[in-house]
Structures are given as structure tokens and as C-alpha cells.
Amino acid sequence: RQAPGGQRELVATTSSNGNRNYADSVRGRFTISPDNA
């Protein structure tokens, strides 16, 4: 995501091995979920 006048920052990612990562600012509030098929 990129706020007006701000830098682009990572929010959340998910990989094929099942790992999920979140920015500290959104952890606990945001959930990323894939549908690989």
C-alpha cells in the first residue's frame, strides 16, 4: 500500500509453502488468505 505522499510499504504476503507475513502495523487486524486453485 501507498498512502498519499508516503512510501510504498508491505502489508501482507502469502507464499506457496503456506507462510504468511504481515506488517507490524496491521498484524492482528488484517488477514490474508489464498485460493490457490
Full PDB file with SEQRES, HELIX, SHEET, SSBOND, CRYST1, ORIGX, SCALE, CONECT and MASTER records, all heavy atoms in Angstrom:
SEQRES   1 A   37  ARG GLN ALA PRO GLY GLY GLN ARG GLU LEU VAL ALA THR          
SEQRES   2 A   37  THR SER SER ASN GLY ASN ARG ASN TYR ALA ASP SER VAL          
SEQRES   3 A   37  ARG GLY ARG PHE THR ILE SER PRO ASP ASN ALA                  
SHEET    1 AA1 2 ALA A  12  THR A  14  0                                        
SHEET    2 AA1 2 ARG A  20  TYR A  22 -1                                        
CRYST1    1.000    1.000    1.000  90.00  90.00  90.00 P 1           1          
ORIGX1      1.000000  0.000000  0.000000        0.00000                         
ORIGX2      0.000000  1.000000  0.000000        0.00000                         
ORIGX3      0.000000  0.000000  1.000000        0.00000                         
SCALE1      1.000000  0.000000  0.000000        0.00000                         
SCALE2      0.000000  1.000000  0.000000        0.00000                         
SCALE3      0.000000  0.000000  1.000000        0.00000                         
ATOM      1  N   ARG A   1       0.833  -1.188   0.000  1.00  0.00           N  
ATOM      2  CA  ARG A   1       0.000   0.000   0.000  1.00  0.00           C  
ATOM      3  C   ARG A   1       0.872   1.243   0.000  1.00  0.00           C  
ATOM      4  O   ARG A   1       2.018   1.217   0.435  1.00  0.00           O  
ATOM      5  CB  ARG A   1      -0.955   0.015   1.197  1.00  0.00           C  
ATOM      6  CG  ARG A   1      -0.279   0.226   2.548  1.00  0.00           C  
ATOM      7  CD  ARG A   1      -1.287   0.112   3.679  1.00  0.00           C  
ATOM      8  NE  ARG A   1      -0.681   0.362   4.978  1.00  0.00           N  
ATOM      9  CZ  ARG A   1      -1.308   0.203   6.135  1.00  0.00           C  
ATOM     10  NH1 ARG A   1      -2.580  -0.198   6.148  1.00  0.00           N  
ATOM     11  NH2 ARG A   1      -0.677   0.455   7.279  1.00  0.00           N  
ATOM     12  N   GLN A   2       0.283   2.327  -0.475  1.00  0.00           N  
ATOM     13  CA  GLN A   2       0.981   3.603  -0.516  1.00  0.00           C  
ATOM     14  C   GLN A   2       0.007   4.707  -0.150  1.00  0.00           C  
ATOM     15  O   GLN A   2      -0.967   4.953  -0.866  1.00  0.00           O  
ATOM     16  CB  GLN A   2       1.583   3.858  -1.896  1.00  0.00           C  
ATOM     17  CG  GLN A   2       2.464   5.090  -1.962  1.00  0.00           C  
ATOM     18  CD  GLN A   2       3.259   5.161  -3.246  1.00  0.00           C  
ATOM     19  OE1 GLN A   2       2.989   4.426  -4.200  1.00  0.00           O  
ATOM     20  NE2 GLN A   2       4.247   6.031  -3.282  1.00  0.00           N  
ATOM     21  N   ALA A   3       0.273   5.365   0.964  1.00  0.00           N  
ATOM     22  CA  ALA A   3      -0.535   6.489   1.398  1.00  0.00           C  
ATOM     23  C   ALA A   3      -0.153   7.731   0.602  1.00  0.00           C  
ATOM     24  O   ALA A   3       0.954   7.812   0.056  1.00  0.00           O  
ATOM     25  CB  ALA A   3      -0.343   6.732   2.891  1.00  0.00           C  
ATOM     26  N   PRO A   4      -1.047   8.707   0.513  1.00  0.00           N  
ATOM     27  CA  PRO A   4      -0.714   9.945  -0.195  1.00  0.00           C  
ATOM     28  C   PRO A   4       0.544  10.586   0.361  1.00  0.00           C  
ATOM     29  O   PRO A   4       0.638  10.858   1.563  1.00  0.00           O  
ATOM     30  CB  PRO A   4      -1.940  10.826   0.037  1.00  0.00           C  
ATOM     31  CG  PRO A   4      -3.060   9.861   0.280  1.00  0.00           C  
ATOM     32  CD  PRO A   4      -2.432   8.721   1.020  1.00  0.00           C  
ATOM     33  N   GLY A   5       1.516  10.807  -0.497  1.00  0.00           N  
ATOM     34  CA  GLY A   5       2.771  11.405  -0.078  1.00  0.00           C  
ATOM     35  C   GLY A   5       3.700  10.479   0.669  1.00  0.00           C  
ATOM     36  O   GLY A   5       4.773  10.906   1.113  1.00  0.00           O  
ATOM     37  N   GLY A   6       3.320   9.220   0.818  1.00  0.00           N  
ATOM     38  CA  GLY A   6       4.114   8.272   1.568  1.00  0.00           C  
ATOM     39  C   GLY A   6       4.836   7.274   0.688  1.00  0.00           C  
ATOM     40  O   GLY A   6       4.758   7.311  -0.543  1.00  0.00           O  
ATOM     41  N   GLN A   7       5.558   6.379   1.338  1.00  0.00           N  
ATOM     42  CA  GLN A   7       6.282   5.327   0.645  1.00  0.00           C  
ATOM     43  C   GLN A   7       5.427   4.073   0.521  1.00  0.00           C  
ATOM     44  O   GLN A   7       4.553   3.820   1.349  1.00  0.00           O  
ATOM     45  CB  GLN A   7       7.579   4.994   1.391  1.00  0.00           C  
ATOM     46  CG  GLN A   7       8.564   6.144   1.491  1.00  0.00           C  
ATOM     47  CD  GLN A   7       9.811   5.765   2.262  1.00  0.00           C  
ATOM     48  OE1 GLN A   7       9.824   4.782   3.013  1.00  0.00           O  
ATOM     49  NE2 GLN A   7      10.865   6.534   2.084  1.00  0.00           N  
ATOM     50  N   ARG A   8       5.697   3.302  -0.512  1.00  0.00           N  
ATOM     51  CA  ARG A   8       5.004   2.035  -0.658  1.00  0.00           C  
ATOM     52  C   ARG A   8       5.552   1.044   0.362  1.00  0.00           C  
ATOM     53  O   ARG A   8       6.765   0.863   0.473  1.00  0.00           O  
ATOM     54  CB  ARG A   8       5.164   1.497  -2.076  1.00  0.00           C  
ATOM     55  CG  ARG A   8       4.352   0.237  -2.341  1.00  0.00           C  
ATOM     56  CD  ARG A   8       4.357  -0.152  -3.812  1.00  0.00           C  
ATOM     57  NE  ARG A   8       3.734   0.857  -4.655  1.00  0.00           N  
ATOM     58  CZ  ARG A   8       3.434   0.683  -5.928  1.00  0.00           C  
ATOM     59  NH1 ARG A   8       3.685  -0.478  -6.519  1.00  0.00           N  
ATOM     60  NH2 ARG A   8       2.883   1.670  -6.625  1.00  0.00           N  
ATOM     61  N   GLU A   9       4.657   0.410   1.089  1.00  0.00           N  
ATOM     62  CA  GLU A   9       5.057  -0.491   2.147  1.00  0.00           C  
ATOM     63  C   GLU A   9       4.333  -1.824   2.025  1.00  0.00           C  
ATOM     64  O   GLU A   9       3.206  -1.903   1.537  1.00  0.00           O  
ATOM     65  CB  GLU A   9       4.789   0.121   3.526  1.00  0.00           C  
ATOM     66  CG  GLU A   9       3.318   0.376   3.809  1.00  0.00           C  
ATOM     67  CD  GLU A   9       3.060   0.905   5.208  1.00  0.00           C  
ATOM     68  OE1 GLU A   9       4.017   1.011   5.996  1.00  0.00           O  
ATOM     69  OE2 GLU A   9       1.887   1.214   5.519  1.00  0.00           O  
ATOM     70  N   LEU A  10       4.995  -2.847   2.503  1.00  0.00           N  
ATOM     71  CA  LEU A  10       4.399  -4.177   2.532  1.00  0.00           C  
ATOM     72  C   LEU A  10       3.263  -4.229   3.538  1.00  0.00           C  
ATOM     73  O   LEU A  10       3.392  -3.733   4.658  1.00  0.00           O  
ATOM     74  CB  LEU A  10       5.460  -5.215   2.884  1.00  0.00           C  
ATOM     75  CG  LEU A  10       4.969  -6.650   3.099  1.00  0.00           C  
ATOM     76  CD1 LEU A  10       4.527  -7.259   1.775  1.00  0.00           C  
ATOM     77  CD2 LEU A  10       6.064  -7.501   3.737  1.00  0.00           C  
ATOM     78  N   VAL A  11       2.165  -4.851   3.147  1.00  0.00           N  
ATOM     79  CA  VAL A  11       1.034  -5.062   4.045  1.00  0.00           C  
ATOM     80  C   VAL A  11       0.981  -6.517   4.494  1.00  0.00           C  
ATOM     81  O   VAL A  11       1.002  -6.815   5.688  1.00  0.00           O  
ATOM     82  CB  VAL A  11      -0.293  -4.660   3.384  1.00  0.00           C  
ATOM     83  CG1 VAL A  11      -1.461  -4.936   4.326  1.00  0.00           C  
ATOM     84  CG2 VAL A  11      -0.267  -3.194   2.978  1.00  0.00           C  
ATOM     85  N   ALA A  12       0.891  -7.423   3.537  1.00  0.00           N  
ATOM     86  CA  ALA A  12       0.789  -8.840   3.852  1.00  0.00           C  
ATOM     87  C   ALA A  12       1.153  -9.655   2.628  1.00  0.00           C  
ATOM     88  O   ALA A  12       0.904  -9.237   1.500  1.00  0.00           O  
ATOM     89  CB  ALA A  12      -0.622  -9.214   4.326  1.00  0.00           C  
ATOM     90  N   THR A  13       1.736 -10.825   2.857  1.00  0.00           N  
ATOM     91  CA  THR A  13       2.087 -11.729   1.774  1.00  0.00           C  
ATOM     92  C   THR A  13       1.769 -13.160   2.177  1.00  0.00           C  
ATOM     93  O   THR A  13       1.737 -13.499   3.360  1.00  0.00           O  
ATOM     94  CB  THR A  13       3.577 -11.657   1.395  1.00  0.00           C  
ATOM     95  OG1 THR A  13       4.380 -12.085   2.498  1.00  0.00           O  
ATOM     96  CG2 THR A  13       3.975 -10.237   1.016  1.00  0.00           C  
ATOM     97  N   THR A  14       1.547 -13.984   1.186  1.00  0.00           N  
ATOM     98  CA  THR A  14       1.400 -15.415   1.391  1.00  0.00           C  
ATOM     99  C   THR A  14       2.139 -16.137   0.277  1.00  0.00           C  
ATOM    100  O   THR A  14       2.139 -15.699  -0.872  1.00  0.00           O  
ATOM    101  CB  THR A  14      -0.080 -15.834   1.435  1.00  0.00           C  
ATOM    102  OG1 THR A  14      -0.174 -17.240   1.703  1.00  0.00           O  
ATOM    103  CG2 THR A  14      -0.776 -15.534   0.115  1.00  0.00           C  
ATOM    104  N   SER A  15       2.788 -17.241   0.621  1.00  0.00           N  
ATOM    105  CA  SER A  15       3.580 -17.997  -0.331  1.00  0.00           C  
ATOM    106  C   SER A  15       3.052 -19.416  -0.455  1.00  0.00           C  
ATOM    107  O   SER A  15       2.226 -19.872   0.340  1.00  0.00           O  
ATOM    108  CB  SER A  15       5.054 -18.013   0.075  1.00  0.00           C  
ATOM    109  OG  SER A  15       5.226 -18.617   1.343  1.00  0.00           O  
ATOM    110  N   SER A  16       3.553 -20.110  -1.463  1.00  0.00           N  
ATOM    111  CA  SER A  16       3.061 -21.450  -1.758  1.00  0.00           C  
ATOM    112  C   SER A  16       3.383 -22.461  -0.666  1.00  0.00           C  
ATOM    113  O   SER A  16       2.734 -23.508  -0.588  1.00  0.00           O  
ATOM    114  CB  SER A  16       3.632 -21.942  -3.094  1.00  0.00           C  
ATOM    115  OG  SER A  16       5.045 -21.961  -3.074  1.00  0.00           O  
ATOM    116  N   ASN A  17       4.375 -22.172   0.168  1.00  0.00           N  
ATOM    117  CA  ASN A  17       4.697 -23.072   1.268  1.00  0.00           C  
ATOM    118  C   ASN A  17       3.828 -22.843   2.495  1.00  0.00           C  
ATOM    119  O   ASN A  17       4.032 -23.486   3.531  1.00  0.00           O  
ATOM    120  CB  ASN A  17       6.177 -22.969   1.637  1.00  0.00           C  
ATOM    121  CG  ASN A  17       6.583 -21.594   2.110  1.00  0.00           C  
ATOM    122  OD1 ASN A  17       5.744 -20.731   2.353  1.00  0.00           O  
ATOM    123  ND2 ASN A  17       7.887 -21.378   2.245  1.00  0.00           N  
ATOM    124  N   GLY A  18       2.889 -21.907   2.397  1.00  0.00           N  
ATOM    125  CA  GLY A  18       1.972 -21.638   3.482  1.00  0.00           C  
ATOM    126  C   GLY A  18       2.367 -20.522   4.413  1.00  0.00           C  
ATOM    127  O   GLY A  18       1.589 -20.157   5.305  1.00  0.00           O  
ATOM    128  N   ASN A  19       3.557 -19.979   4.253  1.00  0.00           N  
ATOM    129  CA  ASN A  19       3.993 -18.888   5.117  1.00  0.00           C  
ATOM    130  C   ASN A  19       3.218 -17.616   4.831  1.00  0.00           C  
ATOM    131  O   ASN A  19       2.946 -17.279   3.679  1.00  0.00           O  
ATOM    132  CB  ASN A  19       5.486 -18.633   4.943  1.00  0.00           C  
ATOM    133  CG  ASN A  19       6.334 -19.735   5.533  1.00  0.00           C  
ATOM    134  OD1 ASN A  19       5.900 -20.455   6.432  1.00  0.00           O  
ATOM    135  ND2 ASN A  19       7.548 -19.880   5.028  1.00  0.00           N  
ATOM    136  N   ARG A  20       2.894 -16.906   5.887  1.00  0.00           N  
ATOM    137  CA  ARG A  20       2.218 -15.623   5.780  1.00  0.00           C  
ATOM    138  C   ARG A  20       2.959 -14.591   6.613  1.00  0.00           C  
ATOM    139  O   ARG A  20       3.403 -14.882   7.720  1.00  0.00           O  
ATOM    140  CB  ARG A  20       0.763 -15.727   6.243  1.00  0.00           C  
ATOM    141  CG  ARG A  20      -0.054 -16.724   5.443  1.00  0.00           C  
ATOM    142  CD  ARG A  20      -1.488 -16.787   5.918  1.00  0.00           C  
ATOM    143  NE  ARG A  20      -2.241 -17.822   5.213  1.00  0.00           N  
ATOM    144  CZ  ARG A  20      -3.540 -18.040   5.362  1.00  0.00           C  
ATOM    145  NH1 ARG A  20      -4.246 -17.281   6.191  1.00  0.00           N  
ATOM    146  NH2 ARG A  20      -4.131 -19.006   4.683  1.00  0.00           N  
ATOM    147  N   ASN A  21       3.094 -13.417   6.050  1.00  0.00           N  
ATOM    148  CA  ASN A  21       3.784 -12.332   6.723  1.00  0.00           C  
ATOM    149  C   ASN A  21       2.915 -11.093   6.733  1.00  0.00           C  
ATOM    150  O   ASN A  21       2.199 -10.817   5.774  1.00  0.00           O  
ATOM    151  CB  ASN A  21       5.125 -12.034   6.036  1.00  0.00           C  
ATOM    152  CG  ASN A  21       6.100 -13.175   6.131  1.00  0.00           C  
ATOM    153  OD1 ASN A  21       6.553 -13.527   7.208  1.00  0.00           O  
ATOM    154  ND2 ASN A  21       6.421 -13.773   4.992  1.00  0.00           N  
ATOM    155  N   TYR A  22       3.016 -10.333   7.824  1.00  0.00           N  
ATOM    156  CA  TYR A  22       2.240  -9.117   7.988  1.00  0.00           C  
ATOM    157  C   TYR A  22       3.130  -7.989   8.470  1.00  0.00           C  
ATOM    158  O   TYR A  22       4.079  -8.204   9.231  1.00  0.00           O  
ATOM    159  CB  TYR A  22       1.115  -9.314   9.003  1.00  0.00           C  
ATOM    160  CG  TYR A  22       0.080 -10.330   8.615  1.00  0.00           C  
ATOM    161  CD1 TYR A  22       0.198 -11.658   9.020  1.00  0.00           C  
ATOM    162  CD2 TYR A  22      -1.024  -9.968   7.856  1.00  0.00           C  
ATOM    163  CE1 TYR A  22      -0.760 -12.596   8.668  1.00  0.00           C  
ATOM    164  CE2 TYR A  22      -1.982 -10.898   7.506  1.00  0.00           C  
ATOM    165  CZ  TYR A  22      -1.846 -12.212   7.909  1.00  0.00           C  
ATOM    166  OH  TYR A  22      -2.803 -13.140   7.564  1.00  0.00           O  
ATOM    167  N   ALA A  23       2.794  -6.795   8.029  1.00  0.00           N  
ATOM    168  CA  ALA A  23       3.419  -5.629   8.614  1.00  0.00           C  
ATOM    169  C   ALA A  23       2.978  -5.492  10.070  1.00  0.00           C  
ATOM    170  O   ALA A  23       1.852  -5.853  10.424  1.00  0.00           O  
ATOM    171  CB  ALA A  23       3.042  -4.372   7.833  1.00  0.00           C  
ATOM    172  N   ASP A  24       3.872  -4.983  10.897  1.00  0.00           N  
ATOM    173  CA  ASP A  24       3.542  -4.826  12.311  1.00  0.00           C  
ATOM    174  C   ASP A  24       2.299  -3.962  12.520  1.00  0.00           C  
ATOM    175  O   ASP A  24       1.529  -4.186  13.457  1.00  0.00           O  
ATOM    176  CB  ASP A  24       4.723  -4.222  13.068  1.00  0.00           C  
ATOM    177  CG  ASP A  24       5.892  -5.183  13.198  1.00  0.00           C  
ATOM    178  OD1 ASP A  24       5.676  -6.408  13.062  1.00  0.00           O  
ATOM    179  OD2 ASP A  24       7.014  -4.713  13.448  1.00  0.00           O  
ATOM    180  N   SER A  25       2.107  -2.996  11.655  1.00  0.00           N  
ATOM    181  CA  SER A  25       1.006  -2.066  11.818  1.00  0.00           C  
ATOM    182  C   SER A  25      -0.363  -2.683  11.558  1.00  0.00           C  
ATOM    183  O   SER A  25      -1.383  -2.112  11.958  1.00  0.00           O  
ATOM    184  CB  SER A  25       1.199  -0.854  10.898  1.00  0.00           C  
ATOM    185  OG  SER A  25       1.264  -1.263   9.543  1.00  0.00           O  
ATOM    186  N   VAL A  26      -0.399  -3.845  10.895  1.00  0.00           N  
ATOM    187  CA  VAL A  26      -1.676  -4.464  10.563  1.00  0.00           C  
ATOM    188  C   VAL A  26      -1.862  -5.831  11.200  1.00  0.00           C  
ATOM    189  O   VAL A  26      -2.973  -6.383  11.153  1.00  0.00           O  
ATOM    190  CB  VAL A  26      -1.868  -4.591   9.039  1.00  0.00           C  
ATOM    191  CG1 VAL A  26      -1.651  -3.249   8.357  1.00  0.00           C  
ATOM    192  CG2 VAL A  26      -0.939  -5.646   8.450  1.00  0.00           C  
ATOM    193  N   ARG A  27      -0.815  -6.380  11.776  1.00  0.00           N  
ATOM    194  CA  ARG A  27      -0.908  -7.705  12.385  1.00  0.00           C  
ATOM    195  C   ARG A  27      -1.980  -7.723  13.475  1.00  0.00           C  
ATOM    196  O   ARG A  27      -2.018  -6.856  14.337  1.00  0.00           O  
ATOM    197  CB  ARG A  27       0.449  -8.121  12.951  1.00  0.00           C  
ATOM    198  CG  ARG A  27       0.476  -9.571  13.457  1.00  0.00           C  
ATOM    199  CD  ARG A  27       1.879  -9.983  13.912  1.00  0.00           C  
ATOM    200  NE  ARG A  27       2.813 -10.058  12.799  1.00  0.00           N  
ATOM    201  CZ  ARG A  27       3.782  -9.193  12.588  1.00  0.00           C  
ATOM    202  NH1 ARG A  27       3.964  -8.174  13.418  1.00  0.00           N  
ATOM    203  NH2 ARG A  27       4.591  -9.337  11.552  1.00  0.00           N  
ATOM    204  N   GLY A  28      -2.829  -8.731  13.410  1.00  0.00           N  
ATOM    205  CA  GLY A  28      -3.932  -8.841  14.342  1.00  0.00           C  
ATOM    206  C   GLY A  28      -5.214  -8.215  13.857  1.00  0.00           C  
ATOM    207  O   GLY A  28      -6.286  -8.498  14.402  1.00  0.00           O  
ATOM    208  N   ARG A  29      -5.126  -7.358  12.848  1.00  0.00           N  
ATOM    209  CA  ARG A  29      -6.301  -6.717  12.275  1.00  0.00           C  
ATOM    210  C   ARG A  29      -6.599  -7.197  10.867  1.00  0.00           C  
ATOM    211  O   ARG A  29      -7.762  -7.294  10.471  1.00  0.00           O  
ATOM    212  CB  ARG A  29      -6.134  -5.196  12.265  1.00  0.00           C  
ATOM    213  CG  ARG A  29      -5.958  -4.577  13.645  1.00  0.00           C  
ATOM    214  CD  ARG A  29      -5.968  -3.050  13.571  1.00  0.00           C  
ATOM    215  NE  ARG A  29      -4.861  -2.532  12.777  1.00  0.00           N  
ATOM    216  CZ  ARG A  29      -5.009  -1.809  11.671  1.00  0.00           C  
ATOM    217  NH1 ARG A  29      -6.225  -1.513  11.224  1.00  0.00           N  
ATOM    218  NH2 ARG A  29      -3.945  -1.360  11.020  1.00  0.00           N  
ATOM    219  N   PHE A  30      -5.549  -7.475  10.104  1.00  0.00           N  
ATOM    220  CA  PHE A  30      -5.697  -7.913   8.713  1.00  0.00           C  
ATOM    221  C   PHE A  30      -5.401  -9.401   8.608  1.00  0.00           C  
ATOM    222  O   PHE A  30      -4.546  -9.930   9.328  1.00  0.00           O  
ATOM    223  CB  PHE A  30      -4.738  -7.161   7.791  1.00  0.00           C  
ATOM    224  CG  PHE A  30      -5.048  -5.698   7.601  1.00  0.00           C  
ATOM    225  CD1 PHE A  30      -5.997  -5.049   8.370  1.00  0.00           C  
ATOM    226  CD2 PHE A  30      -4.368  -4.976   6.628  1.00  0.00           C  
ATOM    227  CE1 PHE A  30      -6.270  -3.702   8.193  1.00  0.00           C  
ATOM    228  CE2 PHE A  30      -4.632  -3.634   6.436  1.00  0.00           C  
ATOM    229  CZ  PHE A  30      -5.587  -2.992   7.221  1.00  0.00           C  
ATOM    230  N   THR A  31      -6.068 -10.069   7.689  1.00  0.00           N  
ATOM    231  CA  THR A  31      -5.831 -11.474   7.420  1.00  0.00           C  
ATOM    232  C   THR A  31      -5.754 -11.697   5.919  1.00  0.00           C  
ATOM    233  O   THR A  31      -6.668 -11.317   5.187  1.00  0.00           O  
ATOM    234  CB  THR A  31      -6.938 -12.362   8.008  1.00  0.00           C  
ATOM    235  OG1 THR A  31      -7.036 -12.150   9.418  1.00  0.00           O  
ATOM    236  CG2 THR A  31      -6.628 -13.835   7.744  1.00  0.00           C  
ATOM    237  N   ILE A  32      -4.666 -12.309   5.474  1.00  0.00           N  
ATOM    238  CA  ILE A  32      -4.516 -12.642   4.068  1.00  0.00           C  
ATOM    239  C   ILE A  32      -4.821 -14.126   3.893  1.00  0.00           C  
ATOM    240  O   ILE A  32      -4.383 -14.959   4.680  1.00  0.00           O  
ATOM    241  CB  ILE A  32      -3.109 -12.289   3.542  1.00  0.00           C  
ATOM    242  CG1 ILE A  32      -3.043 -12.467   2.027  1.00  0.00           C  
ATOM    243  CG2 ILE A  32      -2.024 -13.095   4.242  1.00  0.00           C  
ATOM    244  CD1 ILE A  32      -1.782 -11.875   1.407  1.00  0.00           C  
ATOM    245  N   SER A  33      -5.576 -14.450   2.865  1.00  0.00           N  
ATOM    246  CA  SER A  33      -5.968 -15.836   2.626  1.00  0.00           C  
ATOM    247  C   SER A  33      -5.947 -16.118   1.129  1.00  0.00           C  
ATOM    248  O   SER A  33      -6.567 -15.392   0.347  1.00  0.00           O  
ATOM    249  CB  SER A  33      -7.352 -16.127   3.207  1.00  0.00           C  
ATOM    250  OG  SER A  33      -8.324 -15.248   2.676  1.00  0.00           O  
ATOM    251  N   PRO A  34      -5.245 -17.166   0.720  1.00  0.00           N  
ATOM    252  CA  PRO A  34      -5.172 -17.502  -0.699  1.00  0.00           C  
ATOM    253  C   PRO A  34      -6.189 -18.550  -1.105  1.00  0.00           C  
ATOM    254  O   PRO A  34      -6.656 -19.345  -0.294  1.00  0.00           O  
ATOM    255  CB  PRO A  34      -3.753 -18.059  -0.837  1.00  0.00           C  
ATOM    256  CG  PRO A  34      -3.535 -18.768   0.469  1.00  0.00           C  
ATOM    257  CD  PRO A  34      -4.292 -17.963   1.510  1.00  0.00           C  
ATOM    258  N   ASP A  35      -6.520 -18.533  -2.374  1.00  0.00           N  
ATOM    259  CA  ASP A  35      -7.264 -19.608  -3.007  1.00  0.00           C  
ATOM    260  C   ASP A  35      -6.410 -20.043  -4.189  1.00  0.00           C  
ATOM    261  O   ASP A  35      -6.546 -19.521  -5.295  1.00  0.00           O  
ATOM    262  CB  ASP A  35      -8.645 -19.149  -3.455  1.00  0.00           C  
ATOM    263  CG  ASP A  35      -9.492 -20.294  -3.972  1.00  0.00           C  
ATOM    264  OD1 ASP A  35      -8.943 -21.349  -4.339  1.00  0.00           O  
ATOM    265  OD2 ASP A  35     -10.729 -20.142  -4.025  1.00  0.00           O  
ATOM    266  N   ASN A  36      -5.527 -20.991  -3.942  1.00  0.00           N  
ATOM    267  CA  ASN A  36      -4.522 -21.352  -4.932  1.00  0.00           C  
ATOM    268  C   ASN A  36      -5.127 -21.913  -6.218  1.00  0.00           C  
ATOM    269  O   ASN A  36      -4.595 -21.680  -7.308  1.00  0.00           O  
ATOM    270  CB  ASN A  36      -3.543 -22.361  -4.337  1.00  0.00           C  
ATOM    271  CG  ASN A  36      -2.701 -21.781  -3.233  1.00  0.00           C  
ATOM    272  OD1 ASN A  36      -2.305 -20.617  -3.295  1.00  0.00           O  
ATOM    273  ND2 ASN A  36      -2.401 -22.588  -2.224  1.00  0.00           N  
ATOM    274  N   ALA A  37      -6.211 -22.642  -6.084  1.00  0.00           N  
ATOM    275  CA  ALA A  37      -6.835 -23.233  -7.264  1.00  0.00           C  
ATOM    276  C   ALA A  37      -7.372 -22.179  -8.217  1.00  0.00           C  
ATOM    277  O   ALA A  37      -7.470 -22.422  -9.422  1.00  0.00           O  
ATOM    278  CB  ALA A  37      -7.947 -24.194  -6.853  1.00  0.00           C  
TER     279      ALA A  37                                                      
MASTER        0    0    0    0    2    0    0    6  278    1    0    3          
END                                                                             
